[in-house]
Amino acid sequence: MNSSRSRLLAFFLILLVGGILLAALFSLDFIEQIPSRAEVVYGPPTASLSDRQRLILSWRLLNNQERMLNPANPSLGEISFVIEIGESTDSIINHLVLNKLISSADLFRDYLVYSGLDTRLQAGEFLLNGQMTMVEIAAALQDSTPRTVDFTVLAGWRMEEIAESLPTSGLAVTPAEFLAAANQRYSSPKFLSRVPEGYGLEGMFAPGTWELNRDISATDLVLFLTTQTENAITQEILNGLEQQGLNLYQGLILASIIEREAVVVDEMPVIASVFINRLEISMKLETDPTVQYALGYNPVQQTWWTNPLSYSDLEVDSPFNTYLYPGLPPTPIASPSLAALQAAAFPAKTPYYYFRAACDGSGLHNFSETYQQHLEYACP
């Protein structure tokens, strides 16, 4: 009887020990799977974590997956969140809690440590909102890129040159998107209605440096730059152009030519007088920049403005070639500065019909009343 009981007791002990060992094996397997499961959800942990840290943080994050991956405050709109230079991680986390952007300081800290982002928080201004999860907020705080950039359009640039500057500007607009938008027709600003059918908005883009949102669209960029041009046009300028027999669009065309011809701003009104004098007697403008515009990109010189021009260049058959066709070209050839537009509206009163660059490299010009005088200014 005692022997039977002993055997039965031994059997139960074996079962018990086996169960414990089996449970331990299952538990060990389960524990070993925790970091792998966390990696699937949250990405790989930073290599600086010890095995123990990785296990504990993975367990905490998995147990609170719903809080981590759901917005803390969906009704909260966009807010500006500033991290000061030298601000501690704890201070940043506390401000996130105060702004109701995260639901748990401890959980957010766990994720930062797990991912290694706690050492990469950037000082700067960030746009955050209540629809962002804690994981998304942590990622957003790594990018201190300003939301705006200073975008520059140089006076004398044609549309393609503006487009070429975009890839390094910080704006999201591509060259192709800008050119496509610049070749559309718009009802506003109103002066754009003067653009001839079949032509783009060449010369309508205000030169200057403008603070723009990085994510501005191509259409909004076009409308912004053309609106700046419209804002710069005063009634005084309109009256001045009218006195020269020009409407606003014609004034912009003439101003663009003046812009490309002038090197020294003070000479612009005198250069304008030459073109006005020629227009008054129906004399061809014969200005090189219009031919350069007609020729387009020069792959050898790697420029949109071929220089010098050859005699064959002057014969290119284009409505922009003012050596062949009288009057103004169909559109501006570049974006004129305000100074060039003012010169077109208020040209100097001169008897000149010719000008050519001085031979001293100063950028100044010699002006002449007659063609013979013009020839005498040729450089040796």
Protein backbone atom coordinates (compact mmCIF):
# COMPACT_ATOMS: atom_id res chain seq x y z
CA MET A 1 0.00 0.00 0.00
CA ASN A 2 2.76 2.42 0.94
CA SER A 3 4.66 1.45 -2.18
CA SER A 4 1.65 2.31 -4.36
CA ARG A 5 1.23 5.66 -2.71
CA SER A 6 4.92 6.43 -3.18
CA ARG A 7 4.73 5.56 -6.86
CA LEU A 8 1.62 7.71 -7.30
CA LEU A 9 3.21 10.61 -5.45
CA ALA A 10 6.31 10.30 -7.58
CA PHE A 11 4.18 10.28 -10.72
CA PHE A 12 2.39 13.47 -9.67
CA LEU A 13 5.71 15.12 -8.80
CA ILE A 14 7.04 14.24 -12.22
CA LEU A 15 3.90 15.71 -13.82
CA LEU A 16 4.21 18.82 -11.69
CA VAL A 17 7.88 19.34 -12.49
CA GLY A 18 7.21 18.65 -16.16
CA GLY A 19 4.38 21.15 -16.18
CA ILE A 20 6.55 23.73 -14.50
CA LEU A 21 9.36 23.12 -16.97
CA LEU A 22 6.96 23.24 -19.89
CA ALA A 23 5.43 26.46 -18.60
CA ALA A 24 8.89 27.89 -18.12
CA LEU A 25 9.80 26.96 -21.68
CA PHE A 26 6.62 28.57 -23.00
CA SER A 27 7.24 31.66 -20.85
CA LEU A 28 10.82 31.89 -21.99
CA ASP A 29 9.76 31.60 -25.62
CA PHE A 30 7.08 34.25 -25.06
CA ILE A 31 9.57 36.60 -23.40
CA GLU A 32 12.06 36.14 -26.19
CA GLN A 33 9.37 37.08 -28.71
CA ILE A 34 8.56 40.41 -27.00
CA PRO A 35 11.44 42.44 -28.51
CA SER A 36 10.71 41.00 -31.95
CA ARG A 37 7.04 41.89 -31.68
CA ALA A 38 7.93 45.41 -30.53
CA GLU A 39 10.30 45.80 -33.47
CA VAL A 40 7.49 44.97 -35.88
CA VAL A 41 5.30 47.71 -34.36
CA TYR A 42 7.85 50.40 -33.47
CA GLY A 43 10.83 49.67 -35.64
CA PRO A 44 14.28 48.57 -34.53
CA PRO A 45 15.51 49.76 -31.11
CA THR A 46 18.67 51.75 -30.69
CA ALA A 47 21.79 49.60 -30.49
CA SER A 48 22.83 51.26 -27.23
CA LEU A 49 20.16 49.42 -25.21
CA SER A 50 21.11 46.46 -23.06
CA ASP A 51 19.12 43.24 -23.47
CA ARG A 52 17.31 43.97 -20.22
CA GLN A 53 16.42 47.52 -21.27
CA ARG A 54 15.23 46.33 -24.65
CA LEU A 55 12.98 43.71 -23.04
CA ILE A 56 11.47 46.08 -20.45
CA LEU A 57 10.86 48.92 -22.91
CA SER A 58 9.45 46.55 -25.55
CA TRP A 59 7.04 45.10 -22.97
CA ARG A 60 5.85 48.53 -21.84
CA LEU A 61 5.34 49.77 -25.39
CA LEU A 62 3.46 46.64 -26.48
CA ASN A 63 1.21 46.80 -23.42
CA ASN A 64 0.31 50.39 -24.30
CA GLN A 65 0.17 50.03 -28.06
CA GLU A 66 -3.28 51.57 -28.36
CA ARG A 67 -2.22 54.76 -26.53
CA MET A 68 1.01 54.98 -28.51
CA LEU A 69 -0.56 54.60 -31.94
CA ASN A 70 -3.68 56.73 -31.49
CA PRO A 71 -3.86 60.54 -31.29
CA ALA A 72 -4.06 61.97 -27.80
CA ASN A 73 -6.33 64.86 -28.69
CA PRO A 74 -7.93 64.57 -32.17
CA SER A 75 -9.88 67.82 -31.77
CA LEU A 76 -6.70 69.85 -31.26
CA GLY A 77 -5.73 71.84 -34.34
CA GLU A 78 -2.30 72.80 -35.58
CA ILE A 79 -0.06 74.57 -33.08
CA SER A 80 3.46 75.92 -33.12
CA PHE A 81 5.69 74.01 -30.71
CA VAL A 82 9.06 75.53 -29.87
CA ILE A 83 12.09 73.69 -28.48
CA GLU A 84 14.67 76.05 -27.07
CA ILE A 85 18.40 75.54 -27.56
CA GLY A 86 19.72 73.41 -24.69
CA GLU A 87 16.23 72.47 -23.43
CA SER A 88 16.20 69.13 -21.60
CA THR A 89 14.25 66.10 -22.80
CA ASP A 90 12.13 66.15 -19.61
CA SER A 91 11.23 69.79 -20.20
CA ILE A 92 10.24 69.06 -23.81
CA ILE A 93 8.06 66.13 -22.72
CA ASN A 94 6.37 68.23 -20.02
CA HIS A 95 5.54 70.93 -22.57
CA LEU A 96 4.04 68.31 -24.87
CA VAL A 97 1.82 67.15 -22.03
CA LEU A 98 0.82 70.72 -21.15
CA ASN A 99 -0.13 71.33 -24.78
CA LYS A 100 -2.22 68.12 -24.70
CA LEU A 101 -0.23 66.65 -27.58
CA ILE A 102 0.65 63.41 -25.76
CA SER A 103 -1.34 61.41 -23.22
CA SER A 104 1.56 60.06 -21.16
CA ALA A 105 4.94 61.53 -20.35
CA ASP A 106 6.31 58.14 -19.24
CA LEU A 107 5.21 56.31 -22.38
CA PHE A 108 6.60 59.00 -24.65
CA ARG A 109 9.90 58.90 -22.77
CA ASP A 110 9.95 55.09 -23.08
CA TYR A 111 9.56 55.36 -26.84
CA LEU A 112 12.25 58.03 -27.15
CA VAL A 113 14.72 55.88 -25.20
CA TYR A 114 13.71 52.72 -27.08
CA SER A 115 14.24 54.35 -30.48
CA GLY A 116 17.25 56.44 -29.46
CA LEU A 117 15.42 59.63 -30.42
CA ASP A 118 15.88 61.07 -26.94
CA THR A 119 19.37 62.21 -27.96
CA ARG A 120 18.29 63.64 -31.34
CA LEU A 121 15.55 66.11 -30.44
CA GLN A 122 16.18 69.33 -32.36
CA ALA A 123 15.86 72.93 -31.22
CA GLY A 124 13.53 74.95 -33.41
CA GLU A 125 9.90 75.59 -34.24
CA PHE A 126 7.66 72.69 -35.21
CA LEU A 127 4.08 72.43 -36.45
CA LEU A 128 2.27 69.75 -34.46
CA ASN A 129 -1.39 68.85 -34.10
CA GLY A 130 -3.69 66.68 -32.02
CA GLN A 131 -4.21 64.19 -34.85
CA MET A 132 -0.58 63.05 -34.55
CA THR A 133 0.32 59.92 -32.60
CA MET A 134 3.18 59.89 -30.11
CA VAL A 135 5.31 58.02 -32.65
CA GLU A 136 4.60 60.70 -35.29
CA ILE A 137 5.35 63.52 -32.86
CA ALA A 138 8.67 61.95 -31.92
CA ALA A 139 9.59 61.74 -35.61
CA ALA A 140 8.48 65.33 -36.27
CA LEU A 141 10.73 66.63 -33.51
CA GLN A 142 13.78 65.28 -35.35
CA ASP A 143 13.33 67.70 -38.23
CA SER A 144 14.17 71.27 -37.33
CA THR A 145 13.77 72.45 -40.94
CA PRO A 146 11.95 75.81 -40.92
CA ARG A 147 8.47 75.78 -42.37
CA THR A 148 9.34 78.74 -44.57
CA VAL A 149 12.20 79.51 -46.91
CA ASP A 150 13.48 82.66 -48.56
CA PHE A 151 12.92 82.26 -52.30
CA THR A 152 14.71 84.63 -54.65
CA VAL A 153 13.78 85.67 -58.17
CA LEU A 154 16.49 87.73 -59.84
CA ALA A 155 15.63 90.63 -62.12
CA GLY A 156 16.34 89.64 -65.70
CA TRP A 157 15.54 85.96 -65.23
CA ARG A 158 13.28 84.24 -67.72
CA MET A 159 10.78 81.60 -66.57
CA GLU A 160 13.15 78.72 -67.15
CA GLU A 161 15.79 80.28 -64.92
CA ILE A 162 13.26 80.63 -62.12
CA ALA A 163 12.36 76.98 -62.64
CA GLU A 164 16.01 75.93 -62.56
CA SER A 165 16.46 77.56 -59.14
CA LEU A 166 13.68 75.50 -57.54
CA PRO A 167 15.51 72.21 -56.81
CA THR A 168 17.90 73.97 -54.43
CA SER A 169 15.39 76.49 -53.08
CA GLY A 170 13.82 74.37 -50.33
CA LEU A 171 10.38 74.61 -51.97
CA ALA A 172 8.48 71.46 -52.88
CA VAL A 173 7.64 72.77 -56.36
CA THR A 174 9.48 71.07 -59.20
CA PRO A 175 10.71 72.91 -62.33
CA ALA A 176 8.18 71.05 -64.49
CA GLU A 177 5.31 71.93 -62.15
CA PHE A 178 6.28 75.60 -62.11
CA LEU A 179 6.57 75.87 -65.91
CA ALA A 180 3.24 74.09 -66.35
CA ALA A 181 1.56 76.51 -63.93
CA ALA A 182 3.30 79.51 -65.55
CA ASN A 183 1.80 78.57 -68.90
CA GLN A 184 -1.78 78.51 -67.65
CA ARG A 185 -4.25 81.37 -67.94
CA TYR A 186 -5.60 83.06 -64.81
CA SER A 187 -8.38 85.56 -64.20
CA SER A 188 -6.55 87.13 -61.28
CA PRO A 189 -4.45 89.25 -60.88
CA LYS A 190 -6.36 91.27 -63.46
CA PHE A 191 -3.34 92.43 -65.47
CA LEU A 192 -2.68 88.81 -66.47
CA SER A 193 -5.68 89.03 -68.80
CA ARG A 194 -3.49 91.08 -71.17
CA VAL A 195 -1.22 88.12 -71.86
CA PRO A 196 -1.75 87.12 -75.52
CA GLU A 197 -3.43 83.80 -76.23
CA GLY A 198 -0.89 81.04 -76.63
CA TYR A 199 1.79 82.64 -74.45
CA GLY A 200 2.76 82.04 -70.83
CA LEU A 201 3.33 84.49 -68.00
CA GLU A 202 6.89 85.44 -68.93
CA GLY A 203 7.92 88.68 -67.24
CA MET A 204 5.01 88.60 -64.79
CA PHE A 205 7.04 87.29 -61.83
CA ALA A 206 8.22 89.92 -59.37
CA PRO A 207 11.96 89.92 -58.69
CA GLY A 208 12.92 89.95 -55.03
CA THR A 209 13.36 87.65 -52.07
CA TRP A 210 10.12 86.30 -50.66
CA GLU A 211 9.39 84.25 -47.53
CA LEU A 212 7.27 81.30 -48.65
CA ASN A 213 5.91 78.12 -47.10
CA ARG A 214 7.97 75.11 -48.13
CA ASP A 215 4.89 73.21 -49.26
CA ILE A 216 3.49 75.98 -51.47
CA SER A 217 1.95 74.60 -54.67
CA ALA A 218 3.12 75.56 -58.15
CA THR A 219 -0.11 77.43 -58.83
CA ASP A 220 0.08 79.34 -55.56
CA LEU A 221 3.73 80.22 -56.27
CA VAL A 222 2.77 81.63 -59.67
CA LEU A 223 -0.14 83.59 -58.22
CA PHE A 224 1.98 84.91 -55.35
CA LEU A 225 4.76 86.21 -57.62
CA THR A 226 2.36 87.77 -60.12
CA THR A 227 0.40 89.40 -57.30
CA GLN A 228 3.63 91.00 -56.04
CA THR A 229 4.13 92.43 -59.51
CA GLU A 230 0.59 93.82 -59.51
CA ASN A 231 1.11 95.34 -56.05
CA ALA A 232 4.24 97.16 -57.27
CA ILE A 233 2.42 98.85 -60.14
CA THR A 234 1.23 102.25 -58.97
CA GLN A 235 -1.21 104.57 -60.71
CA GLU A 236 1.74 106.88 -61.28
CA ILE A 237 3.50 104.16 -63.29
CA LEU A 238 0.32 103.46 -65.26
CA ASN A 239 -0.02 107.17 -66.06
CA GLY A 240 3.62 107.34 -67.12
CA LEU A 241 3.26 104.37 -69.44
CA GLU A 242 0.15 105.89 -70.96
CA GLN A 243 2.10 109.06 -71.75
CA GLN A 244 4.56 106.89 -73.70
CA GLY A 245 1.68 105.33 -75.64
CA LEU A 246 1.99 102.04 -73.79
CA ASN A 247 -0.45 99.94 -71.85
CA LEU A 248 0.72 98.01 -68.79
CA TYR A 249 1.59 94.82 -70.65
CA GLN A 250 3.55 96.74 -73.29
CA GLY A 251 5.31 98.57 -70.48
CA LEU A 252 6.37 95.26 -68.95
CA ILE A 253 7.68 94.09 -72.34
CA LEU A 254 9.76 97.25 -72.76
CA ALA A 255 10.93 97.09 -69.13
CA SER A 256 12.13 93.51 -69.62
CA ILE A 257 14.26 94.60 -72.58
CA ILE A 258 15.66 97.53 -70.58
CA GLU A 259 16.45 95.11 -67.75
CA ARG A 260 18.47 92.84 -70.01
CA GLU A 261 20.28 95.73 -71.76
CA ALA A 262 21.23 97.78 -68.70
CA VAL A 263 24.16 96.94 -66.46
CA VAL A 264 24.09 100.17 -64.46
CA VAL A 265 20.65 101.04 -63.07
CA ASP A 266 21.21 104.79 -63.50
CA GLU A 267 21.38 104.28 -67.27
CA MET A 268 17.96 102.65 -67.51
CA PRO A 269 16.00 105.87 -68.24
CA VAL A 270 18.44 106.78 -71.04
CA ILE A 271 18.26 103.29 -72.56
CA ALA A 272 14.47 103.54 -72.30
CA SER A 273 14.60 106.83 -74.22
CA VAL A 274 16.36 105.16 -77.16
CA PHE A 275 13.63 102.53 -77.46
CA ILE A 276 10.81 105.06 -77.02
CA ASN A 277 12.39 107.28 -79.70
CA ARG A 278 12.60 104.31 -82.07
CA LEU A 279 9.01 103.26 -81.42
CA GLU A 280 7.78 106.78 -82.14
CA ILE A 281 9.23 106.71 -85.68
CA SER A 282 8.43 103.00 -86.29
CA MET A 283 12.13 102.12 -86.31
CA LYS A 284 13.03 98.53 -85.43
CA LEU A 285 14.29 98.12 -81.87
CA GLU A 286 17.15 95.83 -82.96
CA THR A 287 18.01 94.75 -79.45
CA ASP A 288 20.15 91.68 -78.78
CA PRO A 289 18.31 90.36 -75.71
CA THR A 290 15.19 89.69 -77.81
CA VAL A 291 17.28 87.52 -80.15
CA GLN A 292 18.85 85.78 -77.18
CA TYR A 293 15.37 85.04 -75.90
CA ALA A 294 14.31 83.67 -79.26
CA LEU A 295 17.36 81.38 -79.44
CA GLY A 296 16.65 79.82 -76.06
CA TYR A 297 19.09 77.63 -74.19
CA ASN A 298 22.65 77.43 -75.48
CA PRO A 299 24.01 74.00 -74.44
CA VAL A 300 27.57 74.89 -75.40
CA GLN A 301 27.68 78.06 -73.30
CA GLN A 302 25.22 76.52 -70.78
CA THR A 303 23.16 79.69 -70.62
CA TRP A 304 19.80 80.98 -71.75
CA TRP A 305 21.45 84.16 -73.00
CA THR A 306 23.81 83.40 -75.88
CA ASN A 307 26.72 85.85 -75.93
CA PRO A 308 28.16 86.96 -78.25
CA LEU A 309 25.57 86.67 -81.01
CA SER A 310 26.61 85.73 -84.52
CA TYR A 311 25.25 87.27 -87.72
CA SER A 312 23.31 84.06 -88.34
CA ASP A 313 21.77 84.38 -84.85
CA LEU A 314 20.40 87.79 -85.84
CA GLU A 315 18.49 86.14 -88.68
CA VAL A 316 16.55 83.65 -86.51
CA ASP A 317 12.93 83.76 -87.65
CA SER A 318 10.99 84.52 -84.50
CA PRO A 319 8.43 87.17 -83.55
CA PHE A 320 10.85 87.99 -80.72
CA ASN A 321 13.62 88.93 -83.17
CA THR A 322 13.44 92.71 -83.19
CA TYR A 323 16.07 92.85 -85.94
CA LEU A 324 13.50 91.31 -88.28
CA TYR A 325 10.15 92.43 -86.87
CA PRO A 326 9.20 96.02 -85.95
CA GLY A 327 7.66 97.08 -82.67
CA LEU A 328 7.72 95.26 -79.37
CA PRO A 329 8.00 91.46 -79.13
CA PRO A 330 4.81 89.55 -78.21
CA THR A 331 5.66 89.18 -74.51
CA PRO A 332 8.28 90.26 -72.01
CA ILE A 333 11.56 88.37 -72.30
CA ALA A 334 12.38 88.32 -68.58
CA SER A 335 11.20 89.57 -65.20
CA PRO A 336 11.91 93.31 -65.03
CA SER A 337 12.86 95.14 -61.86
CA LEU A 338 10.76 98.00 -60.58
CA ALA A 339 13.57 100.35 -61.69
CA ALA A 340 13.28 99.08 -65.26
CA LEU A 341 9.49 99.49 -65.23
CA GLN A 342 9.86 103.04 -63.89
CA ALA A 343 12.38 103.75 -66.66
CA ALA A 344 9.84 102.60 -69.23
CA ALA A 345 7.20 104.84 -67.68
CA PHE A 346 9.51 107.82 -67.19
CA PRO A 347 12.27 107.69 -69.82
CA ALA A 348 14.84 110.42 -70.10
CA LYS A 349 14.23 113.01 -72.81
CA THR A 350 17.09 112.49 -75.25
CA PRO A 351 17.76 112.70 -79.00
CA TYR A 352 19.39 109.25 -79.00
CA TYR A 353 18.51 106.38 -81.33
CA TYR A 354 21.58 104.20 -80.76
CA PHE A 355 23.71 102.89 -77.92
CA ARG A 356 26.49 100.38 -77.50
CA ALA A 357 28.63 99.17 -74.62
CA ALA A 358 31.64 101.29 -73.74
CA CYS A 359 34.99 99.62 -74.34
CA ASP A 360 36.31 100.11 -70.80
CA GLY A 361 34.42 97.21 -69.21
CA SER A 362 32.49 99.54 -66.91
CA GLY A 363 29.09 98.33 -68.05
CA LEU A 364 28.21 101.84 -69.19
CA HIS A 365 27.08 102.68 -72.72
CA ASN A 366 27.84 105.31 -75.34
CA PHE A 367 24.73 106.89 -76.82
CA SER A 368 24.40 108.36 -80.31
CA GLU A 369 21.95 110.37 -82.40
CA THR A 370 23.12 108.98 -85.72
CA TYR A 371 24.26 105.65 -87.04
CA GLN A 372 27.60 107.13 -88.09
CA GLN A 373 28.27 108.27 -84.52
CA HIS A 374 27.21 104.81 -83.35
CA LEU A 375 29.81 103.18 -85.61
CA GLU A 376 32.53 105.47 -84.28
CA TYR A 377 31.97 104.04 -80.78
CA ALA A 378 32.91 100.52 -81.95
CA CYS A 379 35.62 98.94 -79.83
CA PRO A 380 38.98 98.45 -81.55
